[in-house]
Amino acid sequence: MTRWNVVLAGGVGSRFWPLSTPDRPKQLLPLITGAPMLRDTLDRLRPLASLEHTLVLTNASLRDAILAMEPGLPAENVIAEPRPAGTCAALAWAARTIAARTGPASVMVCVHADWAIGDVDGFQRALRDAADVAEREHALVTVGIVPSRPDPGFGYIQPGAVVAGDVRRVARFVEKPDRVRAAEMVDAGYLWNSGIFAWRVGDLLDEIRTHTPEVQPALDAAGDDLDAFFSHVTSIAIDVGVLERSSRVLVIAGRFGWDDVGTWAALHRVRPHDVDGNAVNGPAFLLAAHNNVVHADGSTVVLYGVDDLVVVSRDGLVMITTRERASDLKTLLDSLPPELRGP
C-alpha cells in the first residue's frame, strides 16, 4: 500500500492580526514553537510518508514561500489553488492527483497545517491506525478527538455502532453548538470533529461521484487542468459535501493533546506558562499580571496589574484585547482604516 500525507495550508488566519498578513499567514508563523506551524506539521508527518509522497494544498500566492521553507518538497507537490473553493474541492483534486501517480488504492491522510499537538507519538499512531482502517474497510475514516472541555468553537461527531475494536460508524456530525449543548454532547460521549481524515483515494472519488454534484461535474470536465477545475467547482466543505451524505464514514477516537489554534486566546492553552499563568513570546516584563497572552515581535511589552489580556506588538503597532474577545477580531478588522489594517 502506498501512503500519502496531504496538508491543507490555505487561508490567511485573520484572527491572528496584526502578525498574520496575506503574504505571511498563520501557517507560516512561529506561533507555538520557534518554527513556522507548517514546518512543525511536515516534521510530524515525515515518519508516515516521505516528502515525495506529501502534498501541500495552499493559496497560489504562498507557493514560493512554502517551497523556500521546505526545499525538499517537490515543486509539483505544492498545489496552488487559483481561488478558495472549500476543502471538498481541494481534497478531491489531491485524491485525483494521487490516483494518477500511484493508483486508486493509495491511502491519503489529511491534516491541517495550523494545529498544536501535545503527544506527537500518539498523533502518529492515530494516523497510522486511521490509514489501516481505511485500507481494510474501504471506508472514509476520521479521527475524532476526545474532548477536554465543552467547547462551542468546534464541530462534534456522534459515534454510532461498533465496527471492530475502537472503530465505530459515524451516527452524525453536529455543527458548532452553543455552550450548553456542547456540555451535553461531551457528557454523552461525542467527539470533536478534528478534520483528520484517511481514505483510499479511489474510495473518496467514488463517494464524490455518488454524493457531491457541487464537485464531480467540474472534476470530470477539467481533465488535468487545475485552473479549469477551480473555475467551475462549487465551494463546499468536505464534511458537508461528502461525509454527511455518505454511509461509509467511520471514526476512531484520538487522545494526543490536539488543539485547533484558531485565535490568539488559544495560544494560552498550547504555550508554556510562567508562574502567574502568562503565555509569553518575545521580550516582555510582567508584574502582578495573570493569565495573559503576549506576543512581542521586536518591541518590548510591559504589563502591570492586568489579567486575561491578549497583547500583540509588531512593527510599531500594538493590539490589545481580552482573551474573551480575541475570537472576534473580524469585527475589529472590518472597522479599521486601511492604513492600520495593512495589506
Protein backbone atom coordinates (compact mmCIF):
# COMPACT_ATOMS: atom_id res chain seq x y z
CA MET A 1 0.00 0.00 0.00
CA THR A 2 1.23 3.47 -0.90
CA ARG A 3 0.51 6.20 1.65
CA TRP A 4 0.45 9.94 1.16
CA ASN A 5 0.33 12.90 3.52
CA VAL A 6 -1.95 15.76 2.47
CA VAL A 7 -1.70 19.08 4.31
CA LEU A 8 -4.32 21.80 4.00
CA ALA A 9 -2.39 25.06 4.28
CA GLY A 10 -4.58 27.73 2.73
CA GLY A 11 -6.14 30.81 4.24
CA VAL A 12 -4.66 33.83 5.97
CA GLY A 13 -5.72 33.41 9.58
CA SER A 14 -7.11 36.93 10.03
CA ARG A 15 -7.80 36.23 13.70
CA PHE A 16 -4.02 36.45 14.20
CA TRP A 17 -3.82 40.06 13.03
CA PRO A 18 -1.59 42.08 13.22
CA LEU A 19 1.00 39.29 12.93
CA SER A 20 -0.69 37.44 10.07
CA THR A 21 -0.83 39.03 6.61
CA PRO A 22 -1.74 37.65 3.15
CA ASP A 23 1.95 37.03 2.37
CA ARG A 24 2.79 35.83 5.90
CA PRO A 25 -0.29 33.90 7.05
CA LYS A 26 -0.80 31.94 10.23
CA GLN A 27 0.61 28.66 8.91
CA LEU A 28 3.94 30.34 8.12
CA LEU A 29 4.27 31.97 11.55
CA PRO A 30 6.14 30.57 14.60
CA LEU A 31 3.14 30.74 16.90
CA ILE A 32 3.79 27.66 19.04
CA THR A 33 7.45 26.73 18.67
CA GLY A 34 10.33 28.62 17.10
CA ALA A 35 9.40 27.17 13.69
CA PRO A 36 6.51 28.01 11.36
CA MET A 37 3.41 25.94 12.06
CA LEU A 38 3.60 24.30 8.63
CA ARG A 39 7.22 23.33 9.30
CA ASP A 40 6.14 21.62 12.55
CA THR A 41 3.33 19.84 10.70
CA LEU A 42 5.61 18.48 7.99
CA ASP A 43 8.09 17.28 10.61
CA ARG A 44 5.32 15.41 12.47
CA LEU A 45 4.18 13.72 9.26
CA ARG A 46 7.60 12.72 7.95
CA PRO A 47 7.60 9.26 9.65
CA LEU A 48 4.31 8.41 7.89
CA ALA A 49 5.34 9.23 4.33
CA SER A 50 8.25 10.90 2.56
CA LEU A 51 8.17 14.41 1.17
CA GLU A 52 7.89 12.81 -2.27
CA HIS A 53 4.54 11.44 -1.06
CA THR A 54 3.39 14.66 0.63
CA LEU A 55 1.05 17.20 -0.96
CA VAL A 56 0.56 20.71 0.40
CA LEU A 57 -2.65 22.44 -0.70
CA THR A 58 -2.39 26.20 -0.43
CA ASN A 59 -3.11 29.61 -1.93
CA ALA A 60 -1.40 30.46 -5.19
CA SER A 61 0.32 33.42 -3.51
CA LEU A 62 2.04 31.18 -0.93
CA ARG A 63 3.55 28.56 -3.21
CA ASP A 64 7.02 30.11 -3.46
CA ALA A 65 7.22 30.81 0.29
CA ILE A 66 6.36 27.19 1.10
CA LEU A 67 8.93 25.81 -1.32
CA ALA A 68 11.55 28.14 0.17
CA MET A 69 10.65 26.94 3.67
CA GLU A 70 10.91 23.24 2.65
CA PRO A 71 13.33 22.82 -0.29
CA GLY A 72 12.97 19.03 -0.09
CA LEU A 73 9.33 19.21 -1.11
CA PRO A 74 8.94 18.58 -4.86
CA ALA A 75 7.58 21.65 -6.60
CA GLU A 76 4.78 19.62 -8.18
CA ASN A 77 3.64 18.57 -4.70
CA VAL A 78 2.62 22.11 -3.73
CA ILE A 79 -0.82 22.52 -5.26
CA ALA A 80 -1.63 26.21 -5.56
CA GLU A 81 -5.39 26.81 -5.66
CA PRO A 82 -6.28 29.69 -8.00
CA ARG A 83 -9.16 30.64 -5.72
CA PRO A 84 -10.61 29.41 -2.41
CA ALA A 85 -13.17 26.69 -3.18
CA GLY A 86 -13.62 24.79 0.08
CA THR A 87 -12.00 21.68 1.46
CA CYS A 88 -14.00 19.29 -0.71
CA ALA A 89 -12.57 20.71 -3.93
CA ALA A 90 -9.03 20.79 -2.53
CA LEU A 91 -9.14 17.21 -1.28
CA ALA A 92 -10.86 15.95 -4.43
CA TRP A 93 -8.06 17.39 -6.56
CA ALA A 94 -5.47 15.91 -4.19
CA ALA A 95 -7.13 12.48 -4.47
CA ARG A 96 -7.21 12.76 -8.25
CA THR A 97 -3.52 13.72 -8.31
CA ILE A 98 -2.52 10.80 -6.10
CA ALA A 99 -4.64 8.32 -8.06
CA ALA A 100 -2.91 9.41 -11.27
CA ARG A 101 0.55 8.99 -9.74
CA THR A 102 0.29 5.82 -7.63
CA GLY A 103 -3.17 4.37 -8.24
CA PRO A 104 -6.64 4.47 -6.66
CA ALA A 105 -5.70 2.08 -3.83
CA SER A 106 -3.26 4.64 -2.39
CA VAL A 107 -4.25 5.93 1.04
CA MET A 108 -4.11 9.65 1.79
CA VAL A 109 -4.01 11.00 5.34
CA CYS A 110 -5.28 14.57 5.56
CA VAL A 111 -4.42 17.15 8.24
CA HIS A 112 -4.37 20.92 8.62
CA ALA A 113 -1.19 22.97 8.94
CA ASP A 114 -2.22 25.02 11.96
CA TRP A 115 -2.67 22.59 14.84
CA ALA A 116 -0.92 22.16 18.16
CA ILE A 117 -0.17 18.53 19.06
CA GLY A 118 0.86 17.65 22.61
CA ASP A 119 1.68 13.95 22.10
CA VAL A 120 3.38 13.58 18.71
CA ASP A 121 3.87 9.80 19.06
CA GLY A 122 0.18 9.38 19.88
CA PHE A 123 -0.76 11.57 16.92
CA GLN A 124 1.32 9.47 14.56
CA ARG A 125 -0.14 6.22 15.93
CA ALA A 126 -3.68 7.53 15.42
CA LEU A 127 -2.94 8.50 11.82
CA ARG A 128 -1.42 5.09 11.09
CA ASP A 129 -4.44 3.39 12.69
CA ALA A 130 -6.82 5.51 10.60
CA ALA A 131 -4.93 4.63 7.41
CA ASP A 132 -5.03 0.92 8.31
CA VAL A 133 -8.80 1.07 8.89
CA ALA A 134 -9.35 2.98 5.64
CA GLU A 135 -7.49 0.32 3.69
CA ARG A 136 -9.08 -2.64 5.45
CA GLU A 137 -12.69 -1.39 5.46
CA HIS A 138 -12.65 0.61 2.20
CA ALA A 139 -14.11 3.41 4.30
CA LEU A 140 -13.75 7.14 4.83
CA VAL A 141 -12.16 7.41 8.28
CA THR A 142 -11.98 10.39 10.59
CA VAL A 143 -10.18 10.74 13.91
CA GLY A 144 -12.47 12.33 16.49
CA ILE A 145 -10.79 13.97 19.46
CA VAL A 146 -11.87 13.01 22.98
CA PRO A 147 -12.90 16.43 24.35
CA SER A 148 -11.04 18.01 27.24
CA ARG A 149 -13.80 20.60 27.73
CA PRO A 150 -17.19 21.58 26.27
CA ASP A 151 -16.05 23.96 23.53
CA PRO A 152 -18.65 25.68 21.33
CA GLY A 153 -15.92 26.59 18.85
CA PHE A 154 -15.68 23.04 17.45
CA GLY A 155 -17.96 20.74 15.50
CA TYR A 156 -18.82 17.38 17.07
CA ILE A 157 -19.16 13.74 15.98
CA GLN A 158 -21.61 11.28 17.49
CA PRO A 159 -20.09 7.77 17.38
CA GLY A 160 -22.52 5.07 16.34
CA ALA A 161 -22.41 1.28 16.06
CA VAL A 162 -19.17 -0.56 16.75
CA VAL A 163 -17.48 -1.98 13.64
CA ALA A 164 -14.46 -3.61 15.27
CA GLY A 165 -12.45 -2.76 18.36
CA ASP A 166 -12.36 1.03 18.74
CA VAL A 167 -13.71 1.64 15.23
CA ARG A 168 -17.28 2.92 15.07
CA ARG A 169 -19.63 4.20 12.44
CA VAL A 170 -20.43 7.90 12.48
CA ALA A 171 -24.01 8.43 13.58
CA ARG A 172 -23.98 12.13 12.73
CA PHE A 173 -21.96 15.32 12.54
CA VAL A 174 -23.05 18.36 14.54
CA GLU A 175 -22.09 21.92 13.61
CA LYS A 176 -20.73 24.22 16.29
CA PRO A 177 -23.26 24.13 19.17
CA ASP A 178 -23.90 26.64 21.93
CA ARG A 179 -22.08 26.11 25.21
CA VAL A 180 -24.95 24.32 26.95
CA ARG A 181 -25.41 21.86 24.09
CA ALA A 182 -21.64 21.34 23.86
CA ALA A 183 -21.56 20.32 27.54
CA GLU A 184 -24.43 17.89 26.95
CA MET A 185 -22.66 16.30 23.99
CA VAL A 186 -19.38 15.92 25.88
CA ASP A 187 -21.29 14.13 28.66
CA ALA A 188 -22.92 11.88 26.03
CA GLY A 189 -19.58 10.78 24.56
CA TYR A 190 -19.43 12.90 21.41
CA LEU A 191 -16.02 13.65 19.92
CA TRP A 192 -14.57 16.84 18.49
CA ASN A 193 -14.55 16.94 14.70
CA SER A 194 -10.81 17.43 14.18
CA GLY A 195 -10.60 17.45 10.38
CA ILE A 196 -8.21 14.47 10.40
CA PHE A 197 -9.17 12.09 7.59
CA ALA A 198 -7.84 8.93 5.96
CA TRP A 199 -9.16 7.11 2.90
CA ARG A 200 -8.15 5.26 -0.22
CA VAL A 201 -8.22 7.90 -2.92
CA GLY A 202 -10.42 5.75 -5.14
CA ASP A 203 -12.98 5.41 -2.36
CA LEU A 204 -13.14 9.18 -1.84
CA LEU A 205 -13.53 9.80 -5.56
CA ASP A 206 -16.29 7.17 -5.73
CA GLU A 207 -18.20 8.88 -2.91
CA ILE A 208 -17.78 12.29 -4.56
CA ARG A 209 -19.11 10.82 -7.78
CA THR A 210 -22.14 9.48 -5.91
CA HIS A 211 -22.91 12.27 -3.45
CA THR A 212 -21.30 15.57 -4.47
CA PRO A 213 -22.76 17.33 -7.51
CA GLU A 214 -21.03 20.52 -6.35
CA VAL A 215 -17.66 18.98 -7.27
CA GLN A 216 -17.99 15.97 -9.57
CA PRO A 217 -19.02 17.75 -12.82
CA ALA A 218 -16.06 20.13 -12.57
CA LEU A 219 -13.75 17.21 -11.81
CA ASP A 220 -14.96 15.35 -14.90
CA ALA A 221 -14.79 18.36 -17.19
CA ALA A 222 -11.41 19.73 -16.12
CA GLY A 223 -9.20 16.79 -17.06
CA ASP A 224 -5.68 17.75 -15.96
CA ASP A 225 -6.41 21.49 -15.94
CA LEU A 226 -6.24 22.78 -12.35
CA ASP A 227 -7.40 26.27 -13.33
CA ALA A 228 -10.40 24.92 -15.20
CA PHE A 229 -11.42 22.78 -12.22
CA PHE A 230 -11.25 25.64 -9.72
CA SER A 231 -13.03 27.97 -12.14
CA HIS A 232 -16.11 25.74 -12.32
CA VAL A 233 -16.31 23.91 -8.98
CA THR A 234 -18.85 24.97 -6.37
CA SER A 235 -17.34 25.69 -2.96
CA ILE A 236 -18.34 23.24 -0.23
CA ALA A 237 -16.69 21.71 2.81
CA ILE A 238 -15.69 18.04 2.73
CA ASP A 239 -17.83 17.38 5.82
CA VAL A 240 -20.98 18.72 4.18
CA GLY A 241 -20.30 17.62 0.62
CA VAL A 242 -19.23 14.04 1.33
CA LEU A 243 -19.09 12.88 4.93
CA GLU A 244 -22.60 13.91 5.97
CA ARG A 245 -24.02 12.25 2.83
CA SER A 246 -22.04 9.01 2.81
CA SER A 247 -22.81 5.75 4.64
CA ARG A 248 -19.14 4.69 4.54
CA VAL A 249 -17.80 7.02 7.26
CA LEU A 250 -16.06 5.55 10.32
CA VAL A 251 -14.49 7.22 13.35
CA ILE A 252 -11.75 6.31 15.79
CA ALA A 253 -11.09 8.26 18.97
CA GLY A 254 -7.88 10.24 19.38
CA ARG A 255 -6.17 11.30 22.61
CA PHE A 256 -2.98 13.20 21.83
CA GLY A 257 -3.36 16.78 23.01
CA TRP A 258 -4.86 18.16 19.79
CA ASP A 259 -5.80 21.82 19.60
CA ASP A 260 -7.04 23.89 16.70
CA VAL A 261 -5.08 27.09 17.20
CA GLY A 262 -7.68 29.46 15.81
CA THR A 263 -7.25 32.61 17.89
CA TRP A 264 -4.69 34.46 19.99
CA ALA A 265 -6.53 33.25 23.09
CA ALA A 266 -5.97 29.62 22.02
CA LEU A 267 -2.23 30.14 22.49
CA HIS A 268 -2.87 30.23 26.23
CA ARG A 269 -3.76 26.54 26.00
CA VAL A 270 -0.71 25.44 24.00
CA ARG A 271 2.18 27.69 25.03
CA PRO A 272 4.19 27.25 28.24
CA HIS A 273 3.13 29.46 31.15
CA ASP A 274 5.11 31.44 33.69
CA VAL A 275 4.31 31.14 37.39
CA ASP A 276 1.39 33.57 37.01
CA GLY A 277 -0.18 31.71 34.10
CA ASN A 278 1.01 34.09 31.37
CA ALA A 279 1.89 32.71 27.93
CA VAL A 280 4.67 34.98 26.67
CA ASN A 281 6.67 35.01 23.45
CA GLY A 282 9.30 37.68 22.87
CA PRO A 283 10.70 40.47 25.08
CA ALA A 284 8.26 41.27 27.88
CA PHE A 285 8.12 42.21 31.57
CA LEU A 286 5.03 41.40 33.60
CA LEU A 287 4.28 42.30 37.22
CA ALA A 288 1.11 41.41 39.15
CA ALA A 289 -0.31 40.23 35.82
CA HIS A 290 -2.05 36.88 35.36
CA ASN A 291 -3.27 34.62 32.55
CA ASN A 292 -2.31 36.96 29.73
CA VAL A 293 -1.15 36.10 26.19
CA VAL A 294 1.74 38.26 25.00
CA HIS A 295 3.42 38.11 21.59
CA ALA A 296 6.14 40.74 21.31
CA ASP A 297 7.73 40.86 17.87
CA GLY A 298 10.61 43.31 18.17
CA SER A 299 9.46 45.84 20.77
CA THR A 300 9.25 45.07 24.48
CA VAL A 301 5.84 44.75 26.15
CA VAL A 302 5.36 45.71 29.81
CA LEU A 303 2.20 44.70 31.71
CA TYR A 304 1.36 45.72 35.26
CA GLY A 305 -1.67 44.71 37.27
CA VAL A 306 -3.81 43.34 34.42
CA ASP A 307 -5.30 39.90 33.78
CA ASP A 308 -6.72 37.88 30.88
CA LEU A 309 -5.49 40.14 28.09
CA VAL A 310 -4.05 39.48 24.65
CA VAL A 311 -1.25 41.88 23.73
CA VAL A 312 0.48 41.70 20.34
CA SER A 313 3.18 44.09 19.15
CA ARG A 314 4.68 44.18 15.67
CA ASP A 315 6.43 46.86 13.62
CA GLY A 316 5.37 49.73 15.87
CA LEU A 317 1.74 48.57 16.07
CA VAL A 318 0.22 47.25 19.32
CA MET A 319 -3.08 45.40 19.50
CA ILE A 320 -4.73 44.84 22.91
CA THR A 321 -7.92 42.93 23.57
CA THR A 322 -9.27 40.46 26.10
CA ARG A 323 -8.88 36.71 25.73
CA GLU A 324 -12.67 36.50 25.55
CA ARG A 325 -12.92 38.96 22.64
CA ALA A 326 -9.92 37.58 20.73
CA SER A 327 -12.14 35.27 18.68
CA ASP A 328 -13.98 38.28 17.24
CA LEU A 329 -11.13 40.12 15.55
CA LYS A 330 -13.02 40.20 12.25
CA THR A 331 -15.27 42.90 13.73
CA LEU A 332 -12.20 44.93 14.58
CA LEU A 333 -10.56 44.40 11.18
CA ASP A 334 -13.71 45.41 9.31
CA SER A 335 -13.70 48.71 11.23
CA LEU A 336 -10.02 49.62 10.84
CA PRO A 337 -8.85 52.20 8.32
CA PRO A 338 -6.74 50.64 5.54
CA GLU A 339 -3.50 52.24 6.73
CA LEU A 340 -3.83 50.38 10.06
CA ARG A 341 -5.20 47.11 8.74
CA GLY A 342 -2.38 46.65 6.23
CA PRO A 343 -2.39 44.54 3.04
